[in-house]
Amino acid sequence: MKKDVTLTVKSKSVSKFKGGYPLISKDSVQNLHDGIEEGTIVKLVDEKNRFIARGYYGKQNKGYGWVLTRNENELIDQSFFIKQLKKAIESRKSFFNNQETTAFRVVNGEGDGLGGLTIEYFDGYYLIHWYSKGIYSFRESIIGALKELVQYKAIYQKKRFAESGKYIEEDDFVTGERGTFPIIVKENGVHFAVYLNESAMVGVFLDQREVRKRIRDAYAAGKTVLNTFSYTGAFSVFAALGDAQKTTSVDLANRSLSKTIEQFSINGVDYEAQEIIVEDVFRYFKYAVKKQLKFDMVILDPPSFARSKKMVFSAEKDYKNLLKEAISITEEGGIIVASTNASSFNMDRFKGFIDQAYKESNKKYQLLEEYSLPEDFKTVKSFPEGDYLKVVFIKNAK
């Protein structure tokens, strides 16, 4: 049994933790050192040794661990995880009962009081993402709690805690009956092919559910749509099913071609009537300008950080310039769906990038609507960084 470690919270951070802040960082506590073993229970106290919270030590790219309870007498054991998971599952009852959407998030890390961990549901299959060795050290209790609370076809996992912060490649099966992949899930009546057994990505980003639906229901009809950083073409599929005139999907990854063809095909969309291009998005913009291509709608959803042979893209530094490229190939009166999952800046700052991009392009614009995380991606007010998704529908004013 690992011995609990007491960490003293610096006076400047005491009120933050008392107000519900869940992330333990190096500069918020006095005696944090690398000698602490991953998964060690840590007790946070103030400088007068008064109890504040209890959590665990687990290094990930965000910090050094998470608060799990503010109850001094609560043990971090299987019954604790049963309680937390039960709460999370019950708050998503409406999703479990929805026949039109069979893929959603069941546990959203610190939003459900379990920082360092997410659990997703894919039509009877559960997928656990572990973001540190610390939280992974509780795996038997957490998997045991999940098995006790839900019926499942199988449970899969992704270990996301390699030294580089990347996914650890291995057989991801945990328990149950191995799936035959792809499994076909539904999102607002649209089908997605999902693979729980290959790479960190499964085929669809669930946090964009409401944005995709909005594109299909209100914006796509009759439009030419460019979907950049298109991954498996999920936005393109929704646009095509919303009667877009034509979609063009651009992504650098070779697999994006076969994956996008697959997503179109399972929805009965003729992929040959669409355009799917394997190309660096930045090079494609230059090509589009040269060929004087213009689109009625451009979807811009880059990773917050990306590296290609020729450049490094960081949303914080480079989004404004990326947006300027998009503006230059969007029709007057056209729509840009600007999206970022970068947690290092908030919606106001994001709108500042948009404003700058239009000013520097000598163009006017109108903000139509905005989206953040959907309801199943639960967040806590005390941790605004957790509410990372920012999506704005912008109209290129005439």
Protein backbone atom coordinates (compact mmCIF):
# COMPACT_ATOMS: atom_id res chain seq x y z
CA MET A 1 0.00 0.00 0.00
CA LYS A 2 1.48 3.34 -1.04
CA LYS A 3 1.71 5.83 1.79
CA ASP A 4 -0.30 9.03 1.35
CA VAL A 5 1.75 12.16 0.77
CA THR A 6 0.81 15.53 2.25
CA LEU A 7 1.32 18.53 -0.04
CA THR A 8 1.15 22.09 1.24
CA VAL A 9 -0.77 24.46 -1.02
CA LYS A 10 0.91 27.83 -1.51
CA SER A 11 -1.11 30.64 0.08
CA LYS A 12 -1.82 32.26 -3.31
CA SER A 13 -3.57 29.04 -4.49
CA VAL A 14 -5.58 28.12 -1.37
CA SER A 15 -8.75 30.01 -2.31
CA LYS A 16 -8.57 28.60 -5.85
CA PHE A 17 -8.56 25.01 -4.59
CA LYS A 18 -11.26 25.79 -2.01
CA GLY A 19 -13.33 27.21 -4.87
CA GLY A 20 -13.25 23.87 -6.67
CA TYR A 21 -10.15 24.09 -8.88
CA PRO A 22 -9.21 20.45 -9.62
CA LEU A 23 -5.73 20.48 -11.22
CA ILE A 24 -2.60 20.06 -9.08
CA SER A 25 0.31 21.96 -10.64
CA LYS A 26 3.93 22.46 -9.69
CA ASP A 27 3.51 26.13 -8.85
CA SER A 28 0.40 25.66 -6.71
CA VAL A 29 2.01 23.43 -4.05
CA GLN A 30 5.26 23.76 -2.10
CA ASN A 31 6.73 20.30 -1.87
CA LEU A 32 5.91 18.58 -5.18
CA HIS A 33 8.87 16.53 -6.45
CA ASP A 34 9.44 13.82 -9.03
CA GLY A 35 10.18 11.23 -6.35
CA ILE A 36 6.46 10.79 -5.64
CA GLU A 37 5.18 7.55 -7.16
CA GLU A 38 2.45 7.72 -9.81
CA GLY A 39 -0.97 7.03 -8.32
CA THR A 40 0.04 8.08 -4.79
CA ILE A 41 -2.87 9.60 -2.86
CA VAL A 42 -2.00 13.19 -1.98
CA LYS A 43 -3.57 15.24 0.79
CA LEU A 44 -3.64 18.98 0.13
CA VAL A 45 -3.37 21.19 3.21
CA ASP A 46 -2.87 24.92 3.76
CA GLU A 47 0.17 26.38 5.50
CA LYS A 48 -1.51 25.84 8.89
CA ASN A 49 -1.93 22.15 8.02
CA ARG A 50 -5.72 22.46 7.56
CA PHE A 51 -7.26 19.96 5.13
CA ILE A 52 -8.33 21.28 1.70
CA ALA A 53 -8.73 18.26 -0.56
CA ARG A 54 -7.50 14.80 -1.46
CA GLY A 55 -6.45 13.60 -4.89
CA TYR A 56 -3.75 11.62 -6.67
CA TYR A 57 -0.32 12.25 -8.18
CA GLY A 58 -0.23 11.62 -11.93
CA LYS A 59 1.95 13.46 -14.42
CA GLN A 60 0.29 14.44 -17.68
CA ASN A 61 0.74 17.34 -20.06
CA LYS A 62 -1.69 19.48 -18.03
CA GLY A 63 -0.16 19.10 -14.58
CA TYR A 64 0.80 16.72 -11.79
CA GLY A 65 -2.46 15.23 -10.62
CA TRP A 66 -6.10 15.90 -9.83
CA VAL A 67 -8.29 16.54 -6.81
CA LEU A 68 -10.83 13.74 -6.32
CA THR A 69 -12.61 14.69 -3.09
CA ARG A 70 -12.99 17.59 -0.70
CA ASN A 71 -14.35 15.32 2.03
CA GLU A 72 -11.55 14.64 4.53
CA ASN A 73 -12.99 11.26 5.56
CA GLU A 74 -13.66 9.90 2.06
CA LEU A 75 -11.45 7.00 0.94
CA ILE A 76 -10.33 6.69 -2.69
CA ASP A 77 -11.37 3.08 -3.23
CA GLN A 78 -13.69 1.11 -5.50
CA SER A 79 -16.81 2.38 -3.71
CA PHE A 80 -15.62 5.95 -4.40
CA PHE A 81 -15.31 5.18 -8.12
CA ILE A 82 -18.71 3.43 -8.12
CA LYS A 83 -20.27 6.57 -6.63
CA GLN A 84 -18.60 8.90 -9.17
CA LEU A 85 -19.37 6.71 -12.19
CA LYS A 86 -22.96 6.18 -11.08
CA LYS A 87 -23.49 9.94 -10.89
CA ALA A 88 -21.94 10.44 -14.33
CA ILE A 89 -24.02 7.66 -15.93
CA GLU A 90 -27.27 8.91 -14.38
CA SER A 91 -26.68 12.45 -15.64
CA ARG A 92 -26.51 11.06 -19.21
CA LYS A 93 -29.74 9.06 -19.04
CA SER A 94 -31.24 11.03 -21.93
CA PHE A 95 -28.29 9.98 -24.14
CA PHE A 96 -28.66 6.31 -23.24
CA ASN A 97 -32.35 6.57 -24.17
CA ASN A 98 -31.77 8.32 -27.50
CA GLN A 99 -32.21 5.93 -30.46
CA GLU A 100 -30.81 8.49 -32.93
CA THR A 101 -27.46 8.99 -31.16
CA THR A 102 -25.57 5.92 -29.94
CA ALA A 103 -22.13 7.48 -29.33
CA PHE A 104 -21.40 9.96 -26.54
CA ARG A 105 -19.13 10.69 -23.60
CA VAL A 106 -20.05 9.07 -20.28
CA VAL A 107 -17.26 10.49 -18.10
CA ASN A 108 -15.55 13.76 -18.97
CA GLY A 109 -12.54 13.84 -16.65
CA GLU A 110 -12.59 16.62 -14.07
CA GLY A 111 -16.10 17.65 -15.20
CA ASP A 112 -17.28 14.42 -13.54
CA GLY A 113 -14.78 14.64 -10.67
CA LEU A 114 -12.36 12.15 -12.26
CA GLY A 115 -9.53 14.20 -13.76
CA GLY A 116 -7.13 12.30 -16.02
CA LEU A 117 -9.76 9.89 -17.35
CA THR A 118 -12.51 9.88 -19.95
CA ILE A 119 -15.01 7.14 -20.83
CA GLU A 120 -17.00 7.04 -24.06
CA TYR A 121 -19.93 4.89 -25.16
CA PHE A 122 -20.25 3.45 -28.65
CA ASP A 123 -23.46 1.42 -29.02
CA GLY A 124 -22.82 -0.98 -26.15
CA TYR A 125 -19.03 -0.69 -26.19
CA TYR A 126 -17.17 1.42 -23.62
CA LEU A 127 -13.82 3.07 -24.29
CA ILE A 128 -11.64 4.34 -21.42
CA HIS A 129 -8.86 6.87 -22.09
CA TRP A 130 -6.17 6.96 -19.38
CA TYR A 131 -4.13 10.19 -19.46
CA SER A 132 -1.51 9.37 -16.81
CA LYS A 133 0.13 6.40 -15.13
CA GLY A 134 -1.32 7.84 -11.93
CA ILE A 135 -4.98 7.35 -12.88
CA TYR A 136 -4.09 4.06 -14.62
CA SER A 137 -2.87 2.70 -11.28
CA PHE A 138 -6.55 2.71 -10.18
CA ARG A 139 -7.61 0.71 -13.26
CA GLU A 140 -8.86 -2.37 -11.38
CA SER A 141 -11.14 -0.28 -9.16
CA ILE A 142 -12.39 1.84 -12.07
CA ILE A 143 -12.97 -1.04 -14.49
CA GLY A 144 -14.54 -3.01 -11.62
CA ALA A 145 -16.87 -0.09 -10.89
CA LEU A 146 -17.86 0.23 -14.56
CA LYS A 147 -18.55 -3.52 -14.84
CA GLU A 148 -20.75 -3.35 -11.77
CA LEU A 149 -22.82 -0.42 -13.09
CA VAL A 150 -23.40 -1.07 -16.80
CA GLN A 151 -24.20 -3.82 -19.25
CA TYR A 152 -21.65 -3.87 -22.04
CA LYS A 153 -20.63 -5.77 -25.13
CA ALA A 154 -16.97 -5.02 -24.40
CA ILE A 155 -14.67 -2.52 -22.70
CA TYR A 156 -11.66 -1.11 -24.56
CA GLN A 157 -8.97 1.29 -23.41
CA LYS A 158 -6.41 3.77 -24.77
CA LYS A 159 -3.29 4.49 -22.74
CA ARG A 160 -2.40 8.11 -23.49
CA PHE A 161 0.60 8.45 -21.21
CA ALA A 162 3.75 7.65 -23.19
CA GLU A 163 6.70 9.91 -22.30
CA SER A 164 5.84 12.10 -25.29
CA GLY A 165 2.22 12.32 -24.09
CA LYS A 166 1.18 10.18 -27.05
CA TYR A 167 -0.90 7.03 -27.30
CA ILE A 168 0.78 3.70 -26.42
CA GLU A 169 0.22 1.29 -29.33
CA GLU A 170 -1.06 -2.08 -28.12
CA ASP A 171 -4.09 -4.35 -28.10
CA ASP A 172 -6.74 -2.13 -26.53
CA PHE A 173 -9.20 -4.87 -25.54
CA VAL A 174 -9.98 -5.11 -21.80
CA THR A 175 -12.98 -7.39 -21.23
CA GLY A 176 -16.24 -8.67 -22.73
CA GLU A 177 -16.54 -9.95 -26.28
CA ARG A 178 -14.11 -8.56 -28.83
CA GLY A 179 -15.84 -6.33 -31.34
CA THR A 180 -15.84 -6.87 -35.09
CA PHE A 181 -14.73 -3.53 -36.48
CA PRO A 182 -15.89 -1.18 -37.66
CA ILE A 183 -18.90 -0.93 -35.40
CA ILE A 184 -21.54 1.37 -36.85
CA VAL A 185 -22.85 4.01 -34.44
CA LYS A 186 -25.41 6.75 -34.97
CA GLU A 187 -25.18 10.48 -34.39
CA ASN A 188 -28.42 12.40 -34.93
CA GLY A 189 -29.46 9.65 -37.34
CA VAL A 190 -26.19 9.72 -39.32
CA HIS A 191 -23.93 6.64 -39.32
CA PHE A 192 -20.25 6.54 -38.37
CA ALA A 193 -17.81 3.66 -38.70
CA VAL A 194 -15.84 3.42 -35.45
CA TYR A 195 -12.68 1.43 -34.69
CA LEU A 196 -11.84 0.94 -31.01
CA ASN A 197 -8.84 -1.27 -31.78
CA GLU A 198 -6.52 0.92 -33.85
CA SER A 199 -4.60 4.07 -32.91
CA ALA A 200 -5.68 6.75 -30.45
CA MET A 201 -8.44 8.04 -32.74
CA VAL A 202 -11.56 5.99 -33.31
CA GLY A 203 -13.08 7.70 -36.35
CA VAL A 204 -15.18 10.56 -34.99
CA PHE A 205 -14.73 13.45 -32.55
CA LEU A 206 -17.86 13.41 -30.40
CA ASP A 207 -17.50 16.99 -29.14
CA GLN A 208 -18.56 18.44 -32.53
CA ARG A 209 -21.96 16.70 -32.54
CA GLU A 210 -24.10 19.85 -32.29
CA VAL A 211 -22.01 21.73 -34.86
CA ARG A 212 -22.35 18.93 -37.43
CA LYS A 213 -26.11 18.79 -36.88
CA ARG A 214 -26.40 22.56 -37.33
CA ILE A 215 -24.42 22.45 -40.59
CA ARG A 216 -26.72 19.72 -41.93
CA ASP A 217 -29.98 21.27 -40.75
CA ALA A 218 -29.42 24.98 -41.41
CA TYR A 219 -26.43 25.76 -43.60
CA ALA A 220 -25.44 23.10 -46.15
CA ALA A 221 -28.33 23.05 -48.65
CA GLY A 222 -27.16 24.01 -52.14
CA LYS A 223 -23.69 25.04 -50.93
CA THR A 224 -20.19 24.14 -52.09
CA VAL A 225 -18.45 23.11 -48.88
CA LEU A 226 -14.70 22.90 -48.16
CA ASN A 227 -13.85 20.80 -45.10
CA THR A 228 -10.22 21.33 -44.07
CA PHE A 229 -8.29 19.07 -41.64
CA SER A 230 -11.14 16.73 -42.47
CA TYR A 231 -9.88 13.54 -40.72
CA THR A 232 -12.59 10.96 -41.60
CA GLY A 233 -14.87 13.50 -43.27
CA ALA A 234 -17.56 13.72 -40.56
CA PHE A 235 -18.43 17.36 -41.36
CA SER A 236 -18.51 16.53 -45.08
CA VAL A 237 -20.93 13.64 -44.50
CA PHE A 238 -23.32 15.89 -42.55
CA ALA A 239 -23.04 18.61 -45.22
CA ALA A 240 -23.76 16.10 -48.01
CA LEU A 241 -26.78 14.77 -46.09
CA GLY A 242 -27.92 18.39 -45.71
CA ASP A 243 -28.07 18.59 -49.55
CA ALA A 244 -24.80 20.41 -50.13
CA GLN A 245 -24.12 20.88 -53.83
CA LYS A 246 -20.67 19.33 -53.37
CA THR A 247 -18.16 18.74 -50.57
CA THR A 248 -14.37 18.90 -50.77
CA SER A 249 -12.45 17.23 -47.91
CA VAL A 250 -8.76 17.99 -47.43
CA ASP A 251 -6.42 16.27 -44.96
CA LEU A 252 -2.71 15.43 -44.98
CA ALA A 253 -3.08 11.88 -43.58
CA ASN A 254 -3.12 9.13 -46.21
CA ARG A 255 -5.74 7.14 -44.29
CA SER A 256 -8.18 10.07 -44.54
CA LEU A 257 -9.04 8.99 -48.11
CA SER A 258 -10.24 5.46 -47.33
CA LYS A 259 -11.81 6.55 -44.02
CA THR A 260 -13.80 9.35 -45.68
CA ILE A 261 -14.94 7.06 -48.50
CA GLU A 262 -16.13 4.60 -45.83
CA GLN A 263 -18.12 7.26 -43.92
CA PHE A 264 -19.83 8.50 -47.10
CA SER A 265 -20.60 4.94 -48.22
CA ILE A 266 -22.27 3.75 -45.00
CA ASN A 267 -24.59 6.77 -45.28
CA GLY A 268 -25.54 6.02 -48.89
CA VAL A 269 -23.68 9.07 -50.25
CA ASP A 270 -21.93 8.62 -53.62
CA TYR A 271 -18.35 9.47 -52.64
CA GLU A 272 -17.35 9.82 -56.29
CA ALA A 273 -19.61 12.87 -56.54
CA GLN A 274 -17.57 14.44 -53.71
CA GLU A 275 -13.92 15.47 -53.72
CA ILE A 276 -11.48 13.91 -51.23
CA ILE A 277 -7.94 15.28 -51.36
CA VAL A 278 -4.88 14.03 -49.45
CA GLU A 279 -2.83 17.20 -49.21
CA ASP A 280 -1.34 19.63 -46.71
CA VAL A 281 -4.18 22.12 -46.03
CA PHE A 282 -1.79 25.08 -46.21
CA ARG A 283 -0.61 24.01 -49.66
CA TYR A 284 -4.21 23.45 -50.74
CA PHE A 285 -5.12 27.04 -49.81
CA LYS A 286 -2.33 28.30 -52.05
CA TYR A 287 -3.53 26.04 -54.88
CA ALA A 288 -7.14 27.26 -54.41
CA VAL A 289 -6.07 30.92 -54.58
CA LYS A 290 -3.98 30.23 -57.72
CA LYS A 291 -6.91 28.46 -59.39
CA GLN A 292 -9.33 31.16 -58.15
CA LEU A 293 -11.51 28.59 -56.39
CA LYS A 294 -14.22 29.93 -54.10
CA PHE A 295 -16.49 28.06 -51.68
CA ASP A 296 -19.86 28.94 -50.14
CA MET A 297 -18.78 27.39 -46.86
CA VAL A 298 -15.34 26.66 -45.37
CA ILE A 299 -14.97 24.51 -42.25
CA LEU A 300 -11.79 25.22 -40.34
CA ASP A 301 -11.10 22.78 -37.51
CA PRO A 302 -7.31 22.40 -37.18
CA PRO A 303 -5.58 20.50 -34.38
CA SER A 304 -4.37 22.90 -31.69
CA PHE A 305 -0.84 21.83 -32.60
CA ALA A 306 0.38 20.16 -35.80
CA ARG A 307 3.72 19.53 -37.43
CA SER A 308 4.27 18.82 -41.12
CA LYS A 309 7.56 18.59 -43.04
CA LYS A 310 7.56 22.28 -43.81
CA MET A 311 5.93 23.95 -40.83
CA VAL A 312 4.71 23.82 -37.25
CA PHE A 313 1.16 25.04 -36.63
CA SER A 314 0.07 26.30 -33.24
CA ALA A 315 -3.52 27.55 -32.88
CA GLU A 316 -2.50 30.30 -30.48
CA LYS A 317 0.13 31.73 -32.83
CA ASP A 318 -1.18 30.80 -36.26
CA TYR A 319 -5.01 30.64 -36.25
CA LYS A 320 -5.39 34.26 -37.39
CA ASN A 321 -3.28 33.63 -40.50
CA LEU A 322 -5.07 30.37 -41.23
CA LEU A 323 -8.36 32.25 -41.07
CA LYS A 324 -7.06 34.86 -43.52
CA GLU A 325 -6.34 32.03 -45.98
CA ALA A 326 -9.92 30.76 -45.52
CA ILE A 327 -11.41 34.25 -45.97
CA SER A 328 -9.59 34.60 -49.30
CA ILE A 329 -11.36 31.55 -50.79
CA THR A 330 -14.83 32.05 -49.26
CA GLU A 331 -17.54 33.65 -51.41
CA GLU A 332 -19.02 37.01 -50.42
CA GLY A 333 -21.98 36.17 -48.21
CA GLY A 334 -20.38 32.77 -47.59
CA ILE A 335 -19.94 31.06 -44.22
CA ILE A 336 -16.78 30.13 -42.35
CA VAL A 337 -17.13 27.66 -39.47
CA ALA A 338 -14.10 28.55 -37.34
CA SER A 339 -13.32 25.97 -34.67
CA THR A 340 -10.50 25.29 -32.22
CA ASN A 341 -9.94 22.85 -29.36
CA ALA A 342 -6.98 24.82 -27.96
CA SER A 343 -7.46 25.25 -24.21
CA SER A 344 -4.77 27.95 -23.90
CA PHE A 345 -7.15 30.79 -24.82
CA ASN A 346 -10.83 31.56 -24.30
CA MET A 347 -13.72 32.47 -26.62
CA ASP A 348 -13.11 36.24 -26.30
CA ARG A 349 -9.51 35.84 -27.39
CA PHE A 350 -10.63 33.55 -30.24
CA LYS A 351 -13.07 36.21 -31.43
CA GLY A 352 -10.14 38.64 -31.25
CA PHE A 353 -8.24 36.44 -33.73
CA ILE A 354 -11.30 36.47 -36.00
CA ASP A 355 -11.58 40.25 -35.81
CA GLN A 356 -7.88 40.72 -36.59
CA ALA A 357 -8.02 38.32 -39.54
CA TYR A 358 -10.92 40.20 -41.13
CA LYS A 359 -9.34 43.61 -40.48
CA GLU A 360 -6.09 42.50 -42.07
CA SER A 361 -8.06 41.08 -45.03
CA ASN A 362 -9.99 44.37 -45.40
CA LYS A 363 -13.25 42.44 -45.17
CA LYS A 364 -16.36 42.85 -43.06
CA TYR A 365 -18.01 40.00 -41.23
CA GLN A 366 -20.93 39.05 -39.07
CA LEU A 367 -20.85 36.57 -36.17
CA LEU A 368 -23.91 34.33 -36.57
CA GLU A 369 -23.74 31.82 -33.73
CA GLU A 370 -21.30 30.06 -31.44
CA TYR A 371 -20.89 26.67 -29.79
CA SER A 372 -18.85 25.19 -26.97
CA LEU A 373 -18.84 21.63 -25.60
CA PRO A 374 -22.07 19.60 -25.74
CA GLU A 375 -23.92 18.52 -22.60
CA ASP A 376 -22.23 15.11 -22.25
CA PHE A 377 -18.82 16.84 -22.14
CA LYS A 378 -19.44 18.06 -18.63
CA THR A 379 -17.22 20.87 -17.32
CA VAL A 380 -16.80 22.71 -14.03
CA LYS A 381 -16.90 26.50 -13.76
CA SER A 382 -13.82 26.53 -11.51
CA PHE A 383 -11.73 25.01 -14.35
CA PRO A 384 -12.44 27.10 -17.47
CA GLU A 385 -9.58 25.42 -19.40
CA GLY A 386 -11.69 22.26 -19.40
CA ASP A 387 -14.29 23.95 -21.61
CA TYR A 388 -11.84 23.93 -24.52
CA LEU A 389 -14.08 23.85 -27.62
CA LYS A 390 -14.82 27.13 -29.37
CA VAL A 391 -16.81 27.20 -32.61
CA VAL A 392 -18.04 30.35 -34.36
CA PHE A 393 -20.19 30.57 -37.51
CA ILE A 394 -19.03 33.67 -39.40
CA LYS A 395 -20.67 35.28 -42.42
CA ASN A 396 -18.45 37.01 -44.97
CA ALA A 397 -20.33 40.31 -45.27
CA LYS A 398 -20.89 41.63 -48.78
